[in-house]
Amino acid sequence: MSDTSPKSAVELAMEKLKRLDAEGGVEARVLTDDQKAAIADARRDYEVGTAECRILYESSRLAATDPKSQEELEPNYRRDLARLVNTRDKKIREITG
């Protein structure tokens, strides 16, 4: 009998993804501690920004008495969230090179 235990579905999926990456020419990179810290900072900034954006949106929505004004807030809120995501992703790309 074999000494290895059966692999979980996650382990099998990870092996398959690694194999597909290798076949596709994707290289695995190890991040430095400084890069990991910088990425964590970028993600933390994003979380702070989204919390601030949500608070401002909810406050504005509650203050708006006109239904049309309330409807106009939603696209602006979504645009602001998308901007925050783009900024976060750009910072992470810059960090990882």
PDB file of N, CA and C in Angstrom:
ATOM      1  N   MET A   1       0.837  -1.175   0.000  1.00  0.00           N
ATOM      2  CA  MET A   1       0.000   0.000   0.000  1.00  0.00           C
ATOM      3  C   MET A   1       0.891   1.249   0.000  1.00  0.00           C
ATOM      4  N   SER A   2       0.434   2.320  -0.599  1.00  0.00           N
ATOM      5  CA  SER A   2       1.197   3.553  -0.742  1.00  0.00           C
ATOM      6  C   SER A   2       1.179   4.364   0.554  1.00  0.00           C
ATOM      7  N   ASP A   3       2.294   5.057   0.791  1.00  0.00           N
ATOM      8  CA  ASP A   3       2.398   5.903   1.982  1.00  0.00           C
ATOM      9  C   ASP A   3       1.721   7.261   1.794  1.00  0.00           C
ATOM     10  N   THR A   4       1.407   7.613   0.562  1.00  0.00           N
ATOM     11  CA  THR A   4       0.784   8.919   0.323  1.00  0.00           C
ATOM     12  C   THR A   4      -0.729   8.809   0.461  1.00  0.00           C
ATOM     13  N   SER A   5      -1.293   9.833   1.051  1.00  0.00           N
ATOM     14  CA  SER A   5      -2.744   9.851   1.216  1.00  0.00           C
ATOM     15  C   SER A   5      -3.374  10.379  -0.074  1.00  0.00           C
ATOM     16  N   PRO A   6      -4.635  10.111  -0.280  1.00  0.00           N
ATOM     17  CA  PRO A   6      -5.312  10.610  -1.484  1.00  0.00           C
ATOM     18  C   PRO A   6      -5.290  12.140  -1.498  1.00  0.00           C
ATOM     19  N   LYS A   7      -5.224  12.692  -2.691  1.00  0.00           N
ATOM     20  CA  LYS A   7      -5.182  14.140  -2.842  1.00  0.00           C
ATOM     21  C   LYS A   7      -6.593  14.706  -2.832  1.00  0.00           C
ATOM     22  N   SER A   8      -6.699  15.909  -2.260  1.00  0.00           N
ATOM     23  CA  SER A   8      -7.990  16.585  -2.237  1.00  0.00           C
ATOM     24  C   SER A   8      -8.270  17.179  -3.618  1.00  0.00           C
ATOM     25  N   ALA A   9      -9.491  17.591  -3.819  1.00  0.00           N
ATOM     26  CA  ALA A   9      -9.865  18.216  -5.086  1.00  0.00           C
ATOM     27  C   ALA A   9      -9.075  19.504  -5.311  1.00  0.00           C
ATOM     28  N   VAL A  10      -8.788  20.222  -4.241  1.00  0.00           N
ATOM     29  CA  VAL A  10      -8.019  21.465  -4.350  1.00  0.00           C
ATOM     30  C   VAL A  10      -6.599  21.157  -4.808  1.00  0.00           C
ATOM     31  N   GLU A  11      -5.988  20.150  -4.206  1.00  0.00           N
ATOM     32  CA  GLU A  11      -4.628  19.775  -4.595  1.00  0.00           C
ATOM     33  C   GLU A  11      -4.577  19.338  -6.055  1.00  0.00           C
ATOM     34  N   LEU A  12      -5.555  18.564  -6.487  1.00  0.00           N
ATOM     35  CA  LEU A  12      -5.606  18.125  -7.883  1.00  0.00           C
ATOM     36  C   LEU A  12      -5.784  19.317  -8.833  1.00  0.00           C
ATOM     37  N   ALA A  13      -6.647  20.248  -8.438  1.00  0.00           N
ATOM     38  CA  ALA A  13      -6.873  21.434  -9.266  1.00  0.00           C
ATOM     39  C   ALA A  13      -5.613  22.290  -9.348  1.00  0.00           C
ATOM     40  N   MET A  14      -4.912  22.447  -8.221  1.00  0.00           N
ATOM     41  CA  MET A  14      -3.678  23.237  -8.220  1.00  0.00           C
ATOM     42  C   MET A  14      -2.615  22.592  -9.106  1.00  0.00           C
ATOM     43  N   GLU A  15      -2.496  21.272  -9.057  1.00  0.00           N
ATOM     44  CA  GLU A  15      -1.544  20.575  -9.920  1.00  0.00           C
ATOM     45  C   GLU A  15      -1.885  20.795 -11.391  1.00  0.00           C
ATOM     46  N   LYS A  16      -3.173  20.737 -11.714  1.00  0.00           N
ATOM     47  CA  LYS A  16      -3.601  20.943 -13.092  1.00  0.00           C
ATOM     48  C   LYS A  16      -3.286  22.368 -13.546  1.00  0.00           C
ATOM     49  N   LEU A  17      -3.553  23.352 -12.684  1.00  0.00           N
ATOM     50  CA  LEU A  17      -3.262  24.743 -13.035  1.00  0.00           C
ATOM     51  C   LEU A  17      -1.764  24.967 -13.229  1.00  0.00           C
ATOM     52  N   LYS A  18      -0.942  24.371 -12.370  1.00  0.00           N
ATOM     53  CA  LYS A  18       0.513  24.492 -12.525  1.00  0.00           C
ATOM     54  C   LYS A  18       0.968  23.881 -13.845  1.00  0.00           C
ATOM     55  N   ARG A  19       0.398  22.728 -14.182  1.00  0.00           N
ATOM     56  CA  ARG A  19       0.754  22.066 -15.431  1.00  0.00           C
ATOM     57  C   ARG A  19       0.344  22.927 -16.625  1.00  0.00           C
ATOM     58  N   LEU A  20      -0.861  23.506 -16.582  1.00  0.00           N
ATOM     59  CA  LEU A  20      -1.324  24.369 -17.669  1.00  0.00           C
ATOM     60  C   LEU A  20      -0.468  25.624 -17.780  1.00  0.00           C
ATOM     61  N   ASP A  21      -0.073  26.187 -16.645  1.00  0.00           N
ATOM     62  CA  ASP A  21       0.812  27.352 -16.667  1.00  0.00           C
ATOM     63  C   ASP A  21       2.149  27.002 -17.315  1.00  0.00           C
ATOM     64  N   ALA A  22       2.708  25.851 -16.944  1.00  0.00           N
ATOM     65  CA  ALA A  22       3.988  25.431 -17.500  1.00  0.00           C
ATOM     66  C   ALA A  22       3.875  25.225 -19.009  1.00  0.00           C
ATOM     67  N   GLU A  23       2.784  24.625 -19.451  1.00  0.00           N
ATOM     68  CA  GLU A  23       2.562  24.410 -20.879  1.00  0.00           C
ATOM     69  C   GLU A  23       2.378  25.735 -21.612  1.00  0.00           C
ATOM     70  N   GLY A  24       1.786  26.720 -20.943  1.00  0.00           N
ATOM     71  CA  GLY A  24       1.541  28.025 -21.550  1.00  0.00           C
ATOM     72  C   GLY A  24       2.711  28.976 -21.441  1.00  0.00           C
ATOM     73  N   GLY A  25       3.767  28.561 -20.790  1.00  0.00           N
ATOM     74  CA  GLY A  25       4.951  29.406 -20.664  1.00  0.00           C
ATOM     75  C   GLY A  25       4.867  30.444 -19.560  1.00  0.00           C
ATOM     76  N   VAL A  26       3.942  30.284 -18.645  1.00  0.00           N
ATOM     77  CA  VAL A  26       3.800  31.217 -17.534  1.00  0.00           C
ATOM     78  C   VAL A  26       4.818  30.859 -16.455  1.00  0.00           C
ATOM     79  N   GLU A  27       5.568  31.859 -16.022  1.00  0.00           N
ATOM     80  CA  GLU A  27       6.577  31.627 -14.994  1.00  0.00           C
ATOM     81  C   GLU A  27       6.046  32.029 -13.627  1.00  0.00           C
ATOM     82  N   ALA A  28       6.337  31.213 -12.643  1.00  0.00           N
ATOM     83  CA  ALA A  28       5.965  31.552 -11.267  1.00  0.00           C
ATOM     84  C   ALA A  28       7.036  32.470 -10.698  1.00  0.00           C
ATOM     85  N   ARG A  29       6.601  33.531 -10.041  1.00  0.00           N
ATOM     86  CA  ARG A  29       7.537  34.467  -9.428  1.00  0.00           C
ATOM     87  C   ARG A  29       7.303  34.492  -7.928  1.00  0.00           C
ATOM     88  N   VAL A  30       8.390  34.577  -7.210  1.00  0.00           N
ATOM     89  CA  VAL A  30       8.308  34.683  -5.758  1.00  0.00           C
ATOM     90  C   VAL A  30       8.449  36.154  -5.399  1.00  0.00           C
ATOM     91  N   LEU A  31       7.507  36.654  -4.608  1.00  0.00           N
ATOM     92  CA  LEU A  31       7.538  38.060  -4.201  1.00  0.00           C
ATOM     93  C   LEU A  31       8.430  38.231  -2.980  1.00  0.00           C
ATOM     94  N   THR A  32       9.094  39.374  -2.933  1.00  0.00           N
ATOM     95  CA  THR A  32       9.905  39.691  -1.759  1.00  0.00           C
ATOM     96  C   THR A  32       8.981  40.159  -0.639  1.00  0.00           C
ATOM     97  N   ASP A  33       9.526  40.205   0.556  1.00  0.00           N
ATOM     98  CA  ASP A  33       8.735  40.688   1.695  1.00  0.00           C
ATOM     99  C   ASP A  33       8.314  42.137   1.491  1.00  0.00           C
ATOM    100  N   ASP A  34       9.197  42.951   0.895  1.00  0.00           N
ATOM    101  CA  ASP A  34       8.855  44.351   0.625  1.00  0.00           C
ATOM    102  C   ASP A  34       7.706  44.454  -0.381  1.00  0.00           C
ATOM    103  N   GLN A  35       7.736  43.595  -1.405  1.00  0.00           N
ATOM    104  CA  GLN A  35       6.655  43.602  -2.383  1.00  0.00           C
ATOM    105  C   GLN A  35       5.343  43.177  -1.743  1.00  0.00           C
ATOM    106  N   LYS A  36       5.407  42.156  -0.908  1.00  0.00           N
ATOM    107  CA  LYS A  36       4.201  41.694  -0.221  1.00  0.00           C
ATOM    108  C   LYS A  36       3.626  42.797   0.660  1.00  0.00           C
ATOM    109  N   ALA A  37       4.495  43.518   1.359  1.00  0.00           N
ATOM    110  CA  ALA A  37       4.044  44.615   2.218  1.00  0.00           C
ATOM    111  C   ALA A  37       3.435  45.744   1.389  1.00  0.00           C
ATOM    112  N   ALA A  38       4.058  46.052   0.251  1.00  0.00           N
ATOM    113  CA  ALA A  38       3.539  47.113  -0.613  1.00  0.00           C
ATOM    114  C   ALA A  38       2.185  46.728  -1.200  1.00  0.00           C
ATOM    115  N   ILE A  39       2.020  45.464  -1.561  1.00  0.00           N
ATOM    116  CA  ILE A  39       0.740  44.997  -2.080  1.00  0.00           C
ATOM    117  C   ILE A  39      -0.328  45.071  -0.991  1.00  0.00           C
ATOM    118  N   ALA A  40       0.044  44.693   0.226  1.00  0.00           N
ATOM    119  CA  ALA A  40      -0.898  44.778   1.348  1.00  0.00           C
ATOM    120  C   ALA A  40      -1.309  46.225   1.581  1.00  0.00           C
ATOM    121  N   ASP A  41      -0.363  47.159   1.455  1.00  0.00           N
ATOM    122  CA  ASP A  41      -0.688  48.578   1.603  1.00  0.00           C
ATOM    123  C   ASP A  41      -1.647  49.040   0.511  1.00  0.00           C
ATOM    124  N   ALA A  42      -1.411  48.605  -0.718  1.00  0.00           N
ATOM    125  CA  ALA A  42      -2.287  48.993  -1.829  1.00  0.00           C
ATOM    126  C   ALA A  42      -3.695  48.456  -1.600  1.00  0.00           C
ATOM    127  N   ARG A  43      -3.792  47.240  -1.120  1.00  0.00           N
ATOM    128  CA  ARG A  43      -5.110  46.652  -0.850  1.00  0.00           C
ATOM    129  C   ARG A  43      -5.790  47.346   0.323  1.00  0.00           C
ATOM    130  N   ARG A  44      -5.020  47.710   1.328  1.00  0.00           N
ATOM    131  CA  ARG A  44      -5.577  48.425   2.478  1.00  0.00           C
ATOM    132  C   ARG A  44      -6.094  49.799   2.041  1.00  0.00           C
ATOM    133  N   ASP A  45      -5.320  50.494   1.188  1.00  0.00           N
ATOM    134  CA  ASP A  45      -5.771  51.789   0.670  1.00  0.00           C
ATOM    135  C   ASP A  45      -7.085  51.632  -0.095  1.00  0.00           C
ATOM    136  N   TYR A  46      -7.190  50.544  -0.867  1.00  0.00           N
ATOM    137  CA  TYR A  46      -8.412  50.277  -1.615  1.00  0.00           C
ATOM    138  C   TYR A  46      -9.587  50.068  -0.665  1.00  0.00           C
ATOM    139  N   GLU A  47      -9.380  49.293   0.382  1.00  0.00           N
ATOM    140  CA  GLU A  47     -10.460  49.033   1.349  1.00  0.00           C
ATOM    141  C   GLU A  47     -10.903  50.321   2.027  1.00  0.00           C
ATOM    142  N   VAL A  48      -9.947  51.162   2.389  1.00  0.00           N
ATOM    143  CA  VAL A  48     -10.278  52.445   3.002  1.00  0.00           C
ATOM    144  C   VAL A  48     -11.061  53.305   2.018  1.00  0.00           C
ATOM    145  N   GLY A  49     -10.604  53.331   0.775  1.00  0.00           N
ATOM    146  CA  GLY A  49     -11.276  54.132  -0.250  1.00  0.00           C
ATOM    147  C   GLY A  49     -12.694  53.660  -0.508  1.00  0.00           C
ATOM    148  N   THR A  50     -12.889  52.353  -0.564  1.00  0.00           N
ATOM    149  CA  THR A  50     -14.242  51.837  -0.815  1.00  0.00           C
ATOM    150  C   THR A  50     -15.163  52.111   0.372  1.00  0.00           C
ATOM    151  N   ALA A  51     -14.634  52.023   1.572  1.00  0.00           N
ATOM    152  CA  ALA A  51     -15.446  52.325   2.754  1.00  0.00           C
ATOM    153  C   ALA A  51     -15.862  53.797   2.745  1.00  0.00           C
ATOM    154  N   GLU A  52     -14.912  54.668   2.430  1.00  0.00           N
ATOM    155  CA  GLU A  52     -15.214  56.096   2.372  1.00  0.00           C
ATOM    156  C   GLU A  52     -16.238  56.379   1.269  1.00  0.00           C
ATOM    157  N   CYS A  53     -16.053  55.743   0.127  1.00  0.00           N
ATOM    158  CA  CYS A  53     -16.961  55.925  -0.998  1.00  0.00           C
ATOM    159  C   CYS A  53     -18.377  55.465  -0.632  1.00  0.00           C
ATOM    160  N   ARG A  54     -18.474  54.326   0.023  1.00  0.00           N
ATOM    161  CA  ARG A  54     -19.780  53.787   0.417  1.00  0.00           C
ATOM    162  C   ARG A  54     -20.467  54.711   1.417  1.00  0.00           C
ATOM    163  N   ILE A  55     -19.714  55.209   2.377  1.00  0.00           N
ATOM    164  CA  ILE A  55     -20.276  56.117   3.381  1.00  0.00           C
ATOM    165  C   ILE A  55     -20.805  57.388   2.718  1.00  0.00           C
ATOM    166  N   LEU A  56     -20.003  57.954   1.814  1.00  0.00           N
ATOM    167  CA  LEU A  56     -20.430  59.170   1.120  1.00  0.00           C
ATOM    168  C   LEU A  56     -21.656  58.904   0.246  1.00  0.00           C
ATOM    169  N   TYR A  57     -21.679  57.771  -0.410  1.00  0.00           N
ATOM    170  CA  TYR A  57     -22.829  57.419  -1.257  1.00  0.00           C
ATOM    171  C   TYR A  57     -24.084  57.282  -0.413  1.00  0.00           C
ATOM    172  N   GLU A  58     -24.002  56.527   0.664  1.00  0.00           N
ATOM    173  CA  GLU A  58     -25.181  56.331   1.525  1.00  0.00           C
ATOM    174  C   GLU A  58     -25.654  57.648   2.112  1.00  0.00           C
ATOM    175  N   SER A  59     -24.715  58.489   2.522  1.00  0.00           N
ATOM    176  CA  SER A  59     -25.071  59.785   3.079  1.00  0.00           C
ATOM    177  C   SER A  59     -25.779  60.656   2.036  1.00  0.00           C
ATOM    178  N   SER A  60     -25.218  60.679   0.829  1.00  0.00           N
ATOM    179  CA  SER A  60     -25.823  61.477  -0.241  1.00  0.00           C
ATOM    180  C   SER A  60     -27.188  60.928  -0.629  1.00  0.00           C
ATOM    181  N   ARG A  61     -27.312  59.605  -0.661  1.00  0.00           N
ATOM    182  CA  ARG A  61     -28.581  58.979  -1.030  1.00  0.00           C
ATOM    183  C   ARG A  61     -29.670  59.309  -0.010  1.00  0.00           C
ATOM    184  N   LEU A  62     -29.298  59.288   1.260  1.00  0.00           N
ATOM    185  CA  LEU A  62     -30.276  59.614   2.297  1.00  0.00           C
ATOM    186  C   LEU A  62     -30.639  61.095   2.296  1.00  0.00           C
ATOM    187  N   ALA A  63     -29.689  61.943   1.905  1.00  0.00           N
ATOM    188  CA  ALA A  63     -29.945  63.384   1.898  1.00  0.00           C
ATOM    189  C   ALA A  63     -30.774  63.805   0.687  1.00  0.00           C
ATOM    190  N   ALA A  64     -30.699  63.024  -0.385  1.00  0.00           N
ATOM    191  CA  ALA A  64     -31.428  63.386  -1.604  1.00  0.00           C
ATOM    192  C   ALA A  64     -32.912  63.055  -1.417  1.00  0.00           C
ATOM    193  N   THR A  65     -33.734  64.062  -1.590  1.00  0.00           N
ATOM    194  CA  THR A  65     -35.173  63.859  -1.431  1.00  0.00           C
ATOM    195  C   THR A  65     -35.850  63.538  -2.755  1.00  0.00           C
ATOM    196  N   ASP A  66     -35.251  63.953  -3.836  1.00  0.00           N
ATOM    197  CA  ASP A  66     -35.801  63.744  -5.172  1.00  0.00           C
ATOM    198  C   ASP A  66     -35.370  62.364  -5.695  1.00  0.00           C
ATOM    199  N   PRO A  67     -36.306  61.522  -6.118  1.00  0.00           N
ATOM    200  CA  PRO A  67     -35.944  60.196  -6.634  1.00  0.00           C
ATOM    201  C   PRO A  67     -34.970  60.258  -7.815  1.00  0.00           C
ATOM    202  N   LYS A  68     -35.109  61.282  -8.656  1.00  0.00           N
ATOM    203  CA  LYS A  68     -34.206  61.423  -9.800  1.00  0.00           C
ATOM    204  C   LYS A  68     -32.779  61.688  -9.320  1.00  0.00           C
ATOM    205  N   SER A  69     -32.635  62.468  -8.295  1.00  0.00           N
ATOM    206  CA  SER A  69     -31.310  62.745  -7.728  1.00  0.00           C
ATOM    207  C   SER A  69     -30.700  61.471  -7.167  1.00  0.00           C
ATOM    208  N   GLN A  70     -31.532  60.664  -6.532  1.00  0.00           N
ATOM    209  CA  GLN A  70     -31.038  59.396  -5.984  1.00  0.00           C
ATOM    210  C   GLN A  70     -30.562  58.465  -7.094  1.00  0.00           C
ATOM    211  N   GLU A  71     -31.288  58.448  -8.216  1.00  0.00           N
ATOM    212  CA  GLU A  71     -30.903  57.598  -9.341  1.00  0.00           C
ATOM    213  C   GLU A  71     -29.568  58.028  -9.937  1.00  0.00           C
ATOM    214  N   GLU A  72     -29.293  59.318  -9.931  1.00  0.00           N
ATOM    215  CA  GLU A  72     -28.047  59.828 -10.505  1.00  0.00           C
ATOM    216  C   GLU A  72     -26.835  59.469  -9.647  1.00  0.00           C
ATOM    217  N   LEU A  73     -27.047  59.179  -8.383  1.00  0.00           N
ATOM    218  CA  LEU A  73     -25.940  58.858  -7.489  1.00  0.00           C
ATOM    219  C   LEU A  73     -25.329  57.486  -7.781  1.00  0.00           C
ATOM    220  N   GLU A  74     -26.148  56.542  -8.192  1.00  0.00           N
ATOM    221  CA  GLU A  74     -25.689  55.166  -8.408  1.00  0.00           C
ATOM    222  C   GLU A  74     -24.569  55.062  -9.454  1.00  0.00           C
ATOM    223  N   PRO A  75     -24.736  55.657 -10.647  1.00  0.00           N
ATOM    224  CA  PRO A  75     -23.649  55.561 -11.633  1.00  0.00           C
ATOM    225  C   PRO A  75     -22.349  56.197 -11.145  1.00  0.00           C
ATOM    226  N   ASN A  76     -22.480  57.297 -10.418  1.00  0.00           N
ATOM    227  CA  ASN A  76     -21.279  57.948  -9.875  1.00  0.00           C
ATOM    228  C   ASN A  76     -20.587  57.054  -8.854  1.00  0.00           C
ATOM    229  N   TYR A  77     -21.372  56.397  -8.037  1.00  0.00           N
ATOM    230  CA  TYR A  77     -20.831  55.482  -7.029  1.00  0.00           C
ATOM    231  C   TYR A  77     -20.095  54.328  -7.710  1.00  0.00           C
ATOM    232  N   ARG A  78     -20.716  53.742  -8.709  1.00  0.00           N
ATOM    233  CA  ARG A  78     -20.091  52.629  -9.439  1.00  0.00           C
ATOM    234  C   ARG A  78     -18.819  53.082 -10.156  1.00  0.00           C
ATOM    235  N   ARG A  79     -18.837  54.284 -10.717  1.00  0.00           N
ATOM    236  CA  ARG A  79     -17.651  54.827 -11.383  1.00  0.00           C
ATOM    237  C   ARG A  79     -16.507  55.016 -10.378  1.00  0.00           C
ATOM    238  N   ASP A  80     -16.838  55.539  -9.203  1.00  0.00           N
ATOM    239  CA  ASP A  80     -15.822  55.737  -8.173  1.00  0.00           C
ATOM    240  C   ASP A  80     -15.231  54.407  -7.707  1.00  0.00           C
ATOM    241  N   LEU A  81     -16.079  53.397  -7.548  1.00  0.00           N
ATOM    242  CA  LEU A  81     -15.578  52.075  -7.158  1.00  0.00           C
ATOM    243  C   LEU A  81     -14.669  51.486  -8.235  1.00  0.00           C
ATOM    244  N   ALA A  82     -15.046  51.650  -9.497  1.00  0.00           N
ATOM    245  CA  ALA A  82     -14.228  51.147 -10.601  1.00  0.00           C
ATOM    246  C   ALA A  82     -12.880  51.862 -10.641  1.00  0.00           C
ATOM    247  N   ARG A  83     -12.883  53.151 -10.369  1.00  0.00           N
ATOM    248  CA  ARG A  83     -11.635  53.920 -10.337  1.00  0.00           C
ATOM    249  C   ARG A  83     -10.718  53.401  -9.235  1.00  0.00           C
ATOM    250  N   LEU A  84     -11.299  53.095  -8.083  1.00  0.00           N
ATOM    251  CA  LEU A  84     -10.505  52.562  -6.978  1.00  0.00           C
ATOM    252  C   LEU A  84      -9.908  51.195  -7.332  1.00  0.00           C
ATOM    253  N   VAL A  85     -10.679  50.358  -7.981  1.00  0.00           N
ATOM    254  CA  VAL A  85     -10.179  49.043  -8.399  1.00  0.00           C
ATOM    255  C   VAL A  85      -9.037  49.214  -9.394  1.00  0.00           C
ATOM    256  N   ASN A  86      -9.217  50.117 -10.364  1.00  0.00           N
ATOM    257  CA  ASN A  86      -8.172  50.342 -11.358  1.00  0.00           C
ATOM    258  C   ASN A  86      -6.896  50.874 -10.723  1.00  0.00           C
ATOM    259  N   THR A  87      -7.043  51.778  -9.779  1.00  0.00           N
ATOM    260  CA  THR A  87      -5.877  52.333  -9.086  1.00  0.00           C
ATOM    261  C   THR A  87      -5.154  51.243  -8.306  1.00  0.00           C
ATOM    262  N   ARG A  88      -5.906  50.417  -7.578  1.00  0.00           N
ATOM    263  CA  ARG A  88      -5.308  49.321  -6.815  1.00  0.00           C
ATOM    264  C   ARG A  88      -4.568  48.358  -7.732  1.00  0.00           C
ATOM    265  N   ASP A  89      -5.219  47.955  -8.806  1.00  0.00           N
ATOM    266  CA  ASP A  89      -4.606  46.999  -9.725  1.00  0.00           C
ATOM    267  C   ASP A  89      -3.359  47.570 -10.392  1.00  0.00           C
ATOM    268  N   LYS A  90      -3.392  48.843 -10.725  1.00  0.00           N
ATOM    269  CA  LYS A  90      -2.222  49.499 -11.334  1.00  0.00           C
ATOM    270  C   LYS A  90      -1.050  49.500 -10.361  1.00  0.00           C
ATOM    271  N   LYS A  91      -1.308  49.824  -9.099  1.00  0.00           N
ATOM    272  CA  LYS A  91      -0.251  49.822  -8.091  1.00  0.00           C
ATOM    273  C   LYS A  91       0.344  48.433  -7.934  1.00  0.00           C
ATOM    274  N   ILE A  92      -0.500  47.411  -7.915  1.00  0.00           N
ATOM    275  CA  ILE A  92      -0.008  46.038  -7.759  1.00  0.00           C
ATOM    276  C   ILE A  92       0.829  45.628  -8.971  1.00  0.00           C
ATOM    277  N   ARG A  93       0.385  46.008 -10.171  1.00  0.00           N
ATOM    278  CA  ARG A  93       1.177  45.702 -11.369  1.00  0.00           C
ATOM    279  C   ARG A  93       2.544  46.382 -11.319  1.00  0.00           C
ATOM    280  N   GLU A  94       2.570  47.631 -10.846  1.00  0.00           N
ATOM    281  CA  GLU A  94       3.838  48.352 -10.724  1.00  0.00           C
ATOM    282  C   GLU A  94       4.768  47.685  -9.711  1.00  0.00           C
ATOM    283  N   ILE A  95       4.197  47.192  -8.633  1.00  0.00           N
ATOM    284  CA  ILE A  95       4.988  46.553  -7.581  1.00  0.00           C
ATOM    285  C   ILE A  95       5.585  45.239  -8.066  1.00  0.00           C
ATOM    286  N   THR A  96       4.769  44.462  -8.769  1.00  0.00           N
ATOM    287  CA  THR A  96       5.222  43.130  -9.197  1.00  0.00           C
ATOM    288  C   THR A  96       6.045  43.190 -10.484  1.00  0.00           C
ATOM    289  N   GLY A  97       6.039  44.330 -11.136  1.00  0.00           N
ATOM    290  CA  GLY A  97       6.872  44.515 -12.311  1.00  0.00           C
ATOM    291  C   GLY A  97       6.396  43.795 -13.479  1.00  0.00           C
TER     292      GLY A  97
END
